[in-house]
Amino acid sequence: FLSLNPNGRIPAIIDPNGPDGKPIGLF
């Protein structure tokens, strides 16, 4: 989980269709 959100809090998402069609992880 910390690999996606270093702050260790929910929520977080991965959008496989992010900017320029590339995956993006957000918290």
mmCIF file of all heavy atoms, coordinates in Angstrom:
data_MODEL
# 
_entry.id   MODEL 
# 
loop_
_atom_site.group_PDB 
_atom_site.id 
_atom_site.type_symbol 
_atom_site.label_atom_id 
_atom_site.label_alt_id 
_atom_site.label_comp_id 
_atom_site.label_asym_id 
_atom_site.label_entity_id 
_atom_site.label_seq_id 
_atom_site.pdbx_PDB_ins_code 
_atom_site.Cartn_x 
_atom_site.Cartn_y 
_atom_site.Cartn_z 
_atom_site.occupancy 
_atom_site.B_iso_or_equiv 
_atom_site.pdbx_formal_charge 
_atom_site.auth_seq_id 
_atom_site.auth_comp_id 
_atom_site.auth_asym_id 
_atom_site.auth_atom_id 
_atom_site.pdbx_PDB_model_num 
ATOM 1   N N   . PHE A 1 1  ? 0.829   -1.205 0.000   1.00 0.00 ? 1  PHE A N   1 
ATOM 2   C CA  . PHE A 1 1  ? 0.000   0.000  0.000   1.00 0.00 ? 1  PHE A CA  1 
ATOM 3   C C   . PHE A 1 1  ? 0.863   1.255  0.000   1.00 0.00 ? 1  PHE A C   1 
ATOM 4   O O   . PHE A 1 1  ? 0.572   2.223  -0.705  1.00 0.00 ? 1  PHE A O   1 
ATOM 5   C CB  . PHE A 1 1  ? -0.948  0.016  1.202   1.00 0.00 ? 1  PHE A CB  1 
ATOM 6   C CG  . PHE A 1 1  ? -1.922  1.162  1.138   1.00 0.00 ? 1  PHE A CG  1 
ATOM 7   C CD1 . PHE A 1 1  ? -3.060  1.076  0.353   1.00 0.00 ? 1  PHE A CD1 1 
ATOM 8   C CD2 . PHE A 1 1  ? -1.699  2.343  1.832   1.00 0.00 ? 1  PHE A CD2 1 
ATOM 9   C CE1 . PHE A 1 1  ? -3.948  2.140  0.265   1.00 0.00 ? 1  PHE A CE1 1 
ATOM 10  C CE2 . PHE A 1 1  ? -2.575  3.402  1.754   1.00 0.00 ? 1  PHE A CE2 1 
ATOM 11  C CZ  . PHE A 1 1  ? -3.704  3.302  0.964   1.00 0.00 ? 1  PHE A CZ  1 
ATOM 12  N N   . LEU A 1 2  ? 1.925   1.244  0.780   1.00 0.00 ? 2  LEU A N   1 
ATOM 13  C CA  . LEU A 1 2  ? 2.806   2.411  0.840   1.00 0.00 ? 2  LEU A CA  1 
ATOM 14  C C   . LEU A 1 2  ? 3.471   2.709  -0.497  1.00 0.00 ? 2  LEU A C   1 
ATOM 15  O O   . LEU A 1 2  ? 3.872   3.847  -0.751  1.00 0.00 ? 2  LEU A O   1 
ATOM 16  C CB  . LEU A 1 2  ? 3.864   2.211  1.923   1.00 0.00 ? 2  LEU A CB  1 
ATOM 17  C CG  . LEU A 1 2  ? 3.343   2.218  3.369   1.00 0.00 ? 2  LEU A CG  1 
ATOM 18  C CD1 . LEU A 1 2  ? 4.445   1.799  4.330   1.00 0.00 ? 2  LEU A CD1 1 
ATOM 19  C CD2 . LEU A 1 2  ? 2.795   3.589  3.753   1.00 0.00 ? 2  LEU A CD2 1 
ATOM 20  N N   . SER A 1 3  ? 3.579   1.709  -1.349  1.00 0.00 ? 3  SER A N   1 
ATOM 21  C CA  . SER A 1 3  ? 4.144   1.949  -2.678  1.00 0.00 ? 3  SER A CA  1 
ATOM 22  C C   . SER A 1 3  ? 3.251   2.854  -3.511  1.00 0.00 ? 3  SER A C   1 
ATOM 23  O O   . SER A 1 3  ? 3.724   3.535  -4.424  1.00 0.00 ? 3  SER A O   1 
ATOM 24  C CB  . SER A 1 3  ? 4.364   0.620  -3.407  1.00 0.00 ? 3  SER A CB  1 
ATOM 25  O OG  . SER A 1 3  ? 3.121   0.030  -3.788  1.00 0.00 ? 3  SER A OG  1 
ATOM 26  N N   . LEU A 1 4  ? 1.947   2.877  -3.204  1.00 0.00 ? 4  LEU A N   1 
ATOM 27  C CA  . LEU A 1 4  ? 1.020   3.751  -3.922  1.00 0.00 ? 4  LEU A CA  1 
ATOM 28  C C   . LEU A 1 4  ? 0.800   5.047  -3.166  1.00 0.00 ? 4  LEU A C   1 
ATOM 29  O O   . LEU A 1 4  ? 0.732   6.120  -3.769  1.00 0.00 ? 4  LEU A O   1 
ATOM 30  C CB  . LEU A 1 4  ? -0.317  3.031  -4.142  1.00 0.00 ? 4  LEU A CB  1 
ATOM 31  C CG  . LEU A 1 4  ? -1.385  3.787  -4.927  1.00 0.00 ? 4  LEU A CG  1 
ATOM 32  C CD1 . LEU A 1 4  ? -0.885  4.166  -6.314  1.00 0.00 ? 4  LEU A CD1 1 
ATOM 33  C CD2 . LEU A 1 4  ? -2.656  2.949  -5.034  1.00 0.00 ? 4  LEU A CD2 1 
ATOM 34  N N   . ASN A 1 5  ? 0.665   4.959  -1.842  1.00 0.00 ? 5  ASN A N   1 
ATOM 35  C CA  . ASN A 1 5  ? 0.523   6.161  -1.016  1.00 0.00 ? 5  ASN A CA  1 
ATOM 36  C C   . ASN A 1 5  ? 1.546   6.123  0.112   1.00 0.00 ? 5  ASN A C   1 
ATOM 37  O O   . ASN A 1 5  ? 1.326   5.452  1.128   1.00 0.00 ? 5  ASN A O   1 
ATOM 38  C CB  . ASN A 1 5  ? -0.879  6.276  -0.427  1.00 0.00 ? 5  ASN A CB  1 
ATOM 39  C CG  . ASN A 1 5  ? -1.044  7.556  0.382   1.00 0.00 ? 5  ASN A CG  1 
ATOM 40  O OD1 . ASN A 1 5  ? -0.110  8.347  0.515   1.00 0.00 ? 5  ASN A OD1 1 
ATOM 41  N ND2 . ASN A 1 5  ? -2.227  7.759  0.933   1.00 0.00 ? 5  ASN A ND2 1 
ATOM 42  N N   . PRO A 1 6  ? 2.642   6.831  -0.037  1.00 0.00 ? 6  PRO A N   1 
ATOM 43  C CA  . PRO A 1 6  ? 3.679   6.829  1.002   1.00 0.00 ? 6  PRO A CA  1 
ATOM 44  C C   . PRO A 1 6  ? 3.181   7.327  2.356   1.00 0.00 ? 6  PRO A C   1 
ATOM 45  O O   . PRO A 1 6  ? 3.812   7.047  3.378   1.00 0.00 ? 6  PRO A O   1 
ATOM 46  C CB  . PRO A 1 6  ? 4.749   7.770  0.435   1.00 0.00 ? 6  PRO A CB  1 
ATOM 47  C CG  . PRO A 1 6  ? 4.498   7.810  -1.039  1.00 0.00 ? 6  PRO A CG  1 
ATOM 48  C CD  . PRO A 1 6  ? 3.017   7.647  -1.201  1.00 0.00 ? 6  PRO A CD  1 
ATOM 49  N N   . ASN A 1 7  ? 2.048   8.032  2.354   1.00 0.00 ? 7  ASN A N   1 
ATOM 50  C CA  . ASN A 1 7  ? 1.503   8.561  3.607   1.00 0.00 ? 7  ASN A CA  1 
ATOM 51  C C   . ASN A 1 7  ? 0.677   7.526  4.361   1.00 0.00 ? 7  ASN A C   1 
ATOM 52  O O   . ASN A 1 7  ? 0.262   7.779  5.487   1.00 0.00 ? 7  ASN A O   1 
ATOM 53  C CB  . ASN A 1 7  ? 0.655   9.807  3.327   1.00 0.00 ? 7  ASN A CB  1 
ATOM 54  C CG  . ASN A 1 7  ? 0.340   10.599 4.570   1.00 0.00 ? 7  ASN A CG  1 
ATOM 55  O OD1 . ASN A 1 7  ? 1.157   10.701 5.484   1.00 0.00 ? 7  ASN A OD1 1 
ATOM 56  N ND2 . ASN A 1 7  ? -0.859  11.170 4.627   1.00 0.00 ? 7  ASN A ND2 1 
ATOM 57  N N   . GLY A 1 8  ? 0.402   6.397  3.746   1.00 0.00 ? 8  GLY A N   1 
ATOM 58  C CA  . GLY A 1 8  ? -0.292  5.338  4.438   1.00 0.00 ? 8  GLY A CA  1 
ATOM 59  C C   . GLY A 1 8  ? -1.712  5.650  4.853   1.00 0.00 ? 8  GLY A C   1 
ATOM 60  O O   . GLY A 1 8  ? -2.143  5.275  5.939   1.00 0.00 ? 8  GLY A O   1 
ATOM 61  N N   . ARG A 1 9  ? -2.453  6.336  3.989   1.00 0.00 ? 9  ARG A N   1 
ATOM 62  C CA  . ARG A 1 9  ? -3.844  6.676  4.287   1.00 0.00 ? 9  ARG A CA  1 
ATOM 63  C C   . ARG A 1 9  ? -4.716  6.352  3.071   1.00 0.00 ? 9  ARG A C   1 
ATOM 64  O O   . ARG A 1 9  ? -4.257  6.430  1.925   1.00 0.00 ? 9  ARG A O   1 
ATOM 65  C CB  . ARG A 1 9  ? -3.992  8.172  4.625   1.00 0.00 ? 9  ARG A CB  1 
ATOM 66  C CG  . ARG A 1 9  ? -3.256  8.604  5.879   1.00 0.00 ? 9  ARG A CG  1 
ATOM 67  C CD  . ARG A 1 9  ? -3.920  8.061  7.134   1.00 0.00 ? 9  ARG A CD  1 
ATOM 68  N NE  . ARG A 1 9  ? -3.317  8.567  8.355   1.00 0.00 ? 9  ARG A NE  1 
ATOM 69  C CZ  . ARG A 1 9  ? -2.300  8.000  8.991   1.00 0.00 ? 9  ARG A CZ  1 
ATOM 70  N NH1 . ARG A 1 9  ? -1.737  6.890  8.490   1.00 0.00 ? 9  ARG A NH1 1 
ATOM 71  N NH2 . ARG A 1 9  ? -1.825  8.524  10.106  1.00 0.00 ? 9  ARG A NH2 1 
ATOM 72  N N   . ILE A 1 10 ? -5.962  5.983  3.366   1.00 0.00 ? 10 ILE A N   1 
ATOM 73  C CA  . ILE A 1 10 ? -6.917  5.790  2.262   1.00 0.00 ? 10 ILE A CA  1 
ATOM 74  C C   . ILE A 1 10 ? -7.654  7.095  2.008   1.00 0.00 ? 10 ILE A C   1 
ATOM 75  O O   . ILE A 1 10 ? -7.685  7.968  2.886   1.00 0.00 ? 10 ILE A O   1 
ATOM 76  C CB  . ILE A 1 10 ? -7.916  4.642  2.588   1.00 0.00 ? 10 ILE A CB  1 
ATOM 77  C CG1 . ILE A 1 10 ? -8.712  4.937  3.873   1.00 0.00 ? 10 ILE A CG1 1 
ATOM 78  C CG2 . ILE A 1 10 ? -7.201  3.330  2.700   1.00 0.00 ? 10 ILE A CG2 1 
ATOM 79  C CD1 . ILE A 1 10 ? -10.037 5.519  3.672   1.00 0.00 ? 10 ILE A CD1 1 
ATOM 80  N N   . PRO A 1 11 ? -8.197  7.264  0.791   1.00 0.00 ? 11 PRO A N   1 
ATOM 81  C CA  . PRO A 1 11 ? -8.207  6.350  -0.340  1.00 0.00 ? 11 PRO A CA  1 
ATOM 82  C C   . PRO A 1 11 ? -7.032  6.590  -1.275  1.00 0.00 ? 11 PRO A C   1 
ATOM 83  O O   . PRO A 1 11 ? -6.340  7.608  -1.180  1.00 0.00 ? 11 PRO A O   1 
ATOM 84  C CB  . PRO A 1 11 ? -9.517  6.706  -1.029  1.00 0.00 ? 11 PRO A CB  1 
ATOM 85  C CG  . PRO A 1 11 ? -9.632  8.199  -0.811  1.00 0.00 ? 11 PRO A CG  1 
ATOM 86  C CD  . PRO A 1 11 ? -9.074  8.442  0.576   1.00 0.00 ? 11 PRO A CD  1 
ATOM 87  N N   . ALA A 1 12 ? -6.850  5.636  -2.181  1.00 0.00 ? 12 ALA A N   1 
ATOM 88  C CA  . ALA A 1 12 ? -5.890  5.786  -3.276  1.00 0.00 ? 12 ALA A CA  1 
ATOM 89  C C   . ALA A 1 12 ? -6.487  5.081  -4.484  1.00 0.00 ? 12 ALA A C   1 
ATOM 90  O O   . ALA A 1 12 ? -7.344  4.206  -4.338  1.00 0.00 ? 12 ALA A O   1 
ATOM 91  C CB  . ALA A 1 12 ? -4.535  5.188  -2.907  1.00 0.00 ? 12 ALA A CB  1 
ATOM 92  N N   . ILE A 1 13 ? -6.044  5.476  -5.662  1.00 0.00 ? 13 ILE A N   1 
ATOM 93  C CA  . ILE A 1 13 ? -6.552  4.835  -6.875  1.00 0.00 ? 13 ILE A CA  1 
ATOM 94  C C   . ILE A 1 13 ? -5.414  4.603  -7.859  1.00 0.00 ? 13 ILE A C   1 
ATOM 95  O O   . ILE A 1 13 ? -4.361  5.248  -7.795  1.00 0.00 ? 13 ILE A O   1 
ATOM 96  C CB  . ILE A 1 13 ? -7.653  5.660  -7.590  1.00 0.00 ? 13 ILE A CB  1 
ATOM 97  C CG1 . ILE A 1 13 ? -7.080  6.962  -8.175  1.00 0.00 ? 13 ILE A CG1 1 
ATOM 98  C CG2 . ILE A 1 13 ? -8.829  5.939  -6.668  1.00 0.00 ? 13 ILE A CG2 1 
ATOM 99  C CD1 . ILE A 1 13 ? -8.031  7.672  -9.152  1.00 0.00 ? 13 ILE A CD1 1 
ATOM 100 N N   . ILE A 1 14 ? -5.658  3.681  -8.762  1.00 0.00 ? 14 ILE A N   1 
ATOM 101 C CA  . ILE A 1 14 ? -4.876  3.554  -9.993  1.00 0.00 ? 14 ILE A CA  1 
ATOM 102 C C   . ILE A 1 14 ? -5.861  3.695  -11.141 1.00 0.00 ? 14 ILE A C   1 
ATOM 103 O O   . ILE A 1 14 ? -6.880  2.988  -11.176 1.00 0.00 ? 14 ILE A O   1 
ATOM 104 C CB  . ILE A 1 14 ? -4.157  2.204  -10.102 1.00 0.00 ? 14 ILE A CB  1 
ATOM 105 C CG1 . ILE A 1 14 ? -3.153  2.011  -8.969  1.00 0.00 ? 14 ILE A CG1 1 
ATOM 106 C CG2 . ILE A 1 14 ? -3.445  2.092  -11.456 1.00 0.00 ? 14 ILE A CG2 1 
ATOM 107 C CD1 . ILE A 1 14 ? -2.548  0.623  -8.918  1.00 0.00 ? 14 ILE A CD1 1 
ATOM 108 N N   . ASP A 1 15 ? -5.597  4.606  -12.036 1.00 0.00 ? 15 ASP A N   1 
ATOM 109 C CA  . ASP A 1 15 ? -6.393  4.727  -13.257 1.00 0.00 ? 15 ASP A CA  1 
ATOM 110 C C   . ASP A 1 15 ? -5.549  4.203  -14.411 1.00 0.00 ? 15 ASP A C   1 
ATOM 111 O O   . ASP A 1 15 ? -4.521  4.805  -14.747 1.00 0.00 ? 15 ASP A O   1 
ATOM 112 C CB  . ASP A 1 15 ? -6.790  6.177  -13.513 1.00 0.00 ? 15 ASP A CB  1 
ATOM 113 C CG  . ASP A 1 15 ? -7.692  6.327  -14.734 1.00 0.00 ? 15 ASP A CG  1 
ATOM 114 O OD1 . ASP A 1 15 ? -7.999  5.314  -15.389 1.00 0.00 ? 15 ASP A OD1 1 
ATOM 115 O OD2 . ASP A 1 15 ? -8.087  7.470  -15.037 1.00 0.00 ? 15 ASP A OD2 1 
ATOM 116 N N   . PRO A 1 16 ? -5.942  3.078  -15.028 1.00 0.00 ? 16 PRO A N   1 
ATOM 117 C CA  . PRO A 1 16 ? -5.150  2.544  -16.131 1.00 0.00 ? 16 PRO A CA  1 
ATOM 118 C C   . PRO A 1 16 ? -5.182  3.424  -17.370 1.00 0.00 ? 16 PRO A C   1 
ATOM 119 O O   . PRO A 1 16 ? -4.323  3.295  -18.244 1.00 0.00 ? 16 PRO A O   1 
ATOM 120 C CB  . PRO A 1 16 ? -5.800  1.180  -16.402 1.00 0.00 ? 16 PRO A CB  1 
ATOM 121 C CG  . PRO A 1 16 ? -7.202  1.338  -15.908 1.00 0.00 ? 16 PRO A CG  1 
ATOM 122 C CD  . PRO A 1 16 ? -7.116  2.262  -14.728 1.00 0.00 ? 16 PRO A CD  1 
ATOM 123 N N   . ASN A 1 17 ? -6.168  4.336  -17.414 1.00 0.00 ? 17 ASN A N   1 
ATOM 124 C CA  . ASN A 1 17 ? -6.303  5.236  -18.561 1.00 0.00 ? 17 ASN A CA  1 
ATOM 125 C C   . ASN A 1 17 ? -6.098  6.670  -18.094 1.00 0.00 ? 17 ASN A C   1 
ATOM 126 O O   . ASN A 1 17 ? -6.987  7.505  -18.165 1.00 0.00 ? 17 ASN A O   1 
ATOM 127 C CB  . ASN A 1 17 ? -7.685  5.066  -19.197 1.00 0.00 ? 17 ASN A CB  1 
ATOM 128 C CG  . ASN A 1 17 ? -7.927  3.649  -19.666 1.00 0.00 ? 17 ASN A CG  1 
ATOM 129 O OD1 . ASN A 1 17 ? -7.208  3.152  -20.523 1.00 0.00 ? 17 ASN A OD1 1 
ATOM 130 N ND2 . ASN A 1 17 ? -8.916  2.982  -19.083 1.00 0.00 ? 17 ASN A ND2 1 
ATOM 131 N N   . GLY A 1 18 ? -4.888  6.945  -17.632 1.00 0.00 ? 18 GLY A N   1 
ATOM 132 C CA  . GLY A 1 18 ? -4.560  8.262  -17.131 1.00 0.00 ? 18 GLY A CA  1 
ATOM 133 C C   . GLY A 1 18 ? -4.165  9.223  -18.233 1.00 0.00 ? 18 GLY A C   1 
ATOM 134 O O   . GLY A 1 18 ? -4.442  8.987  -19.418 1.00 0.00 ? 18 GLY A O   1 
ATOM 135 N N   . PRO A 1 19 ? -3.521  10.324 -17.880 1.00 0.00 ? 19 PRO A N   1 
ATOM 136 C CA  . PRO A 1 19 ? -3.077  11.290 -18.888 1.00 0.00 ? 19 PRO A CA  1 
ATOM 137 C C   . PRO A 1 19 ? -2.217  10.628 -19.959 1.00 0.00 ? 19 PRO A C   1 
ATOM 138 O O   . PRO A 1 19 ? -1.378  9.774  -19.655 1.00 0.00 ? 19 PRO A O   1 
ATOM 139 C CB  . PRO A 1 19 ? -2.259  12.296 -18.060 1.00 0.00 ? 19 PRO A CB  1 
ATOM 140 C CG  . PRO A 1 19 ? -2.843  12.194 -16.684 1.00 0.00 ? 19 PRO A CG  1 
ATOM 141 C CD  . PRO A 1 19 ? -3.204  10.747 -16.509 1.00 0.00 ? 19 PRO A CD  1 
ATOM 142 N N   . ASP A 1 20 ? -2.471  11.017 -21.198 1.00 0.00 ? 20 ASP A N   1 
ATOM 143 C CA  . ASP A 1 20 ? -1.747  10.456 -22.350 1.00 0.00 ? 20 ASP A CA  1 
ATOM 144 C C   . ASP A 1 20 ? -1.956  8.954  -22.477 1.00 0.00 ? 20 ASP A C   1 
ATOM 145 O O   . ASP A 1 20 ? -1.151  8.244  -23.090 1.00 0.00 ? 20 ASP A O   1 
ATOM 146 C CB  . ASP A 1 20 ? -0.241  10.764 -22.271 1.00 0.00 ? 20 ASP A CB  1 
ATOM 147 C CG  . ASP A 1 20 ? 0.047   12.259 -22.213 1.00 0.00 ? 20 ASP A CG  1 
ATOM 148 O OD1 . ASP A 1 20 ? -0.623  13.009 -22.942 1.00 0.00 ? 20 ASP A OD1 1 
ATOM 149 O OD2 . ASP A 1 20 ? 0.927   12.666 -21.434 1.00 0.00 ? 20 ASP A OD2 1 
ATOM 150 N N   . GLY A 1 21 ? -3.049  8.450  -21.879 1.00 0.00 ? 21 GLY A N   1 
ATOM 151 C CA  . GLY A 1 21 ? -3.365  7.038  -21.993 1.00 0.00 ? 21 GLY A CA  1 
ATOM 152 C C   . GLY A 1 21 ? -2.505  6.115  -21.162 1.00 0.00 ? 21 GLY A C   1 
ATOM 153 O O   . GLY A 1 21 ? -2.565  4.898  -21.320 1.00 0.00 ? 21 GLY A O   1 
ATOM 154 N N   . LYS A 1 22 ? -1.727  6.694  -20.246 1.00 0.00 ? 22 LYS A N   1 
ATOM 155 C CA  . LYS A 1 22 ? -0.835  5.889  -19.429 1.00 0.00 ? 22 LYS A CA  1 
ATOM 156 C C   . LYS A 1 22 ? -1.410  5.734  -18.016 1.00 0.00 ? 22 LYS A C   1 
ATOM 157 O O   . LYS A 1 22 ? -2.053  6.639  -17.497 1.00 0.00 ? 22 LYS A O   1 
ATOM 158 C CB  . LYS A 1 22 ? 0.544   6.548  -19.354 1.00 0.00 ? 22 LYS A CB  1 
ATOM 159 C CG  . LYS A 1 22 ? 1.238   6.674  -20.707 1.00 0.00 ? 22 LYS A CG  1 
ATOM 160 C CD  . LYS A 1 22 ? 2.582   7.389  -20.555 1.00 0.00 ? 22 LYS A CD  1 
ATOM 161 C CE  . LYS A 1 22 ? 3.265   7.545  -21.901 1.00 0.00 ? 22 LYS A CE  1 
ATOM 162 N NZ  . LYS A 1 22 ? 4.565   8.268  -21.779 1.00 0.00 ? 22 LYS A NZ  1 
ATOM 163 N N   . PRO A 1 23 ? -1.156  4.598  -17.348 1.00 0.00 ? 23 PRO A N   1 
ATOM 164 C CA  . PRO A 1 23 ? -1.656  4.413  -15.980 1.00 0.00 ? 23 PRO A CA  1 
ATOM 165 C C   . PRO A 1 23 ? -1.081  5.451  -15.024 1.00 0.00 ? 23 PRO A C   1 
ATOM 166 O O   . PRO A 1 23 ? 0.067   5.884  -15.169 1.00 0.00 ? 23 PRO A O   1 
ATOM 167 C CB  . PRO A 1 23 ? -1.167  3.002  -15.617 1.00 0.00 ? 23 PRO A CB  1 
ATOM 168 C CG  . PRO A 1 23 ? -0.925  2.321  -16.914 1.00 0.00 ? 23 PRO A CG  1 
ATOM 169 C CD  . PRO A 1 23 ? -0.462  3.397  -17.853 1.00 0.00 ? 23 PRO A CD  1 
ATOM 170 N N   . ILE A 1 24 ? -1.895  5.834  -14.063 1.00 0.00 ? 24 ILE A N   1 
ATOM 171 C CA  . ILE A 1 24 ? -1.451  6.793  -13.052 1.00 0.00 ? 24 ILE A CA  1 
ATOM 172 C C   . ILE A 1 24 ? -1.981  6.357  -11.695 1.00 0.00 ? 24 ILE A C   1 
ATOM 173 O O   . ILE A 1 24 ? -3.118  5.878  -11.582 1.00 0.00 ? 24 ILE A O   1 
ATOM 174 C CB  . ILE A 1 24 ? -1.939  8.219  -13.387 1.00 0.00 ? 24 ILE A CB  1 
ATOM 175 C CG1 . ILE A 1 24 ? -1.340  9.243  -12.411 1.00 0.00 ? 24 ILE A CG1 1 
ATOM 176 C CG2 . ILE A 1 24 ? -3.457  8.307  -13.409 1.00 0.00 ? 24 ILE A CG2 1 
ATOM 177 C CD1 . ILE A 1 24 ? -1.625  10.688 -12.791 1.00 0.00 ? 24 ILE A CD1 1 
ATOM 178 N N   . GLY A 1 25 ? -1.164  6.483  -10.680 1.00 0.00 ? 25 GLY A N   1 
ATOM 179 C CA  . GLY A 1 25 ? -1.578  6.231  -9.316  1.00 0.00 ? 25 GLY A CA  1 
ATOM 180 C C   . GLY A 1 25 ? -1.724  7.538  -8.567  1.00 0.00 ? 25 GLY A C   1 
ATOM 181 O O   . GLY A 1 25 ? -0.885  8.437  -8.711  1.00 0.00 ? 25 GLY A O   1 
ATOM 182 N N   . LEU A 1 26 ? -2.785  7.662  -7.780  1.00 0.00 ? 26 LEU A N   1 
ATOM 183 C CA  . LEU A 1 26 ? -3.073  8.909  -7.069  1.00 0.00 ? 26 LEU A CA  1 
ATOM 184 C C   . LEU A 1 26 ? -3.495  8.628  -5.635  1.00 0.00 ? 26 LEU A C   1 
ATOM 185 O O   . LEU A 1 26 ? -4.115  7.596  -5.357  1.00 0.00 ? 26 LEU A O   1 
ATOM 186 C CB  . LEU A 1 26 ? -4.192  9.689  -7.760  1.00 0.00 ? 26 LEU A CB  1 
ATOM 187 C CG  . LEU A 1 26 ? -3.932  10.175 -9.187  1.00 0.00 ? 26 LEU A CG  1 
ATOM 188 C CD1 . LEU A 1 26 ? -5.216  10.678 -9.806  1.00 0.00 ? 26 LEU A CD1 1 
ATOM 189 C CD2 . LEU A 1 26 ? -2.875  11.263 -9.195  1.00 0.00 ? 26 LEU A CD2 1 
ATOM 190 N N   . PHE A 1 27 ? -3.161  9.553  -4.744  1.00 0.00 ? 27 PHE A N   1 
ATOM 191 C CA  . PHE A 1 27 ? -3.644  9.483  -3.364  1.00 0.00 ? 27 PHE A CA  1 
ATOM 192 C C   . PHE A 1 27 ? -4.060  10.878 -2.933  1.00 0.00 ? 27 PHE A C   1 
ATOM 193 O O   . PHE A 1 27 ? -3.880  11.850 -3.674  1.00 0.00 ? 27 PHE A O   1 
ATOM 194 C CB  . PHE A 1 27 ? -2.588  8.889  -2.427  1.00 0.00 ? 27 PHE A CB  1 
ATOM 195 C CG  . PHE A 1 27 ? -1.290  9.657  -2.353  1.00 0.00 ? 27 PHE A CG  1 
ATOM 196 C CD1 . PHE A 1 27 ? -1.094  10.622 -1.378  1.00 0.00 ? 27 PHE A CD1 1 
ATOM 197 C CD2 . PHE A 1 27 ? -0.259  9.397  -3.252  1.00 0.00 ? 27 PHE A CD2 1 
ATOM 198 C CE1 . PHE A 1 27 ? 0.104   11.317 -1.286  1.00 0.00 ? 27 PHE A CE1 1 
ATOM 199 C CE2 . PHE A 1 27 ? 0.945   10.096 -3.172  1.00 0.00 ? 27 PHE A CE2 1 
ATOM 200 C CZ  . PHE A 1 27 ? 1.125   11.059 -2.196  1.00 0.00 ? 27 PHE A CZ  1 
# 
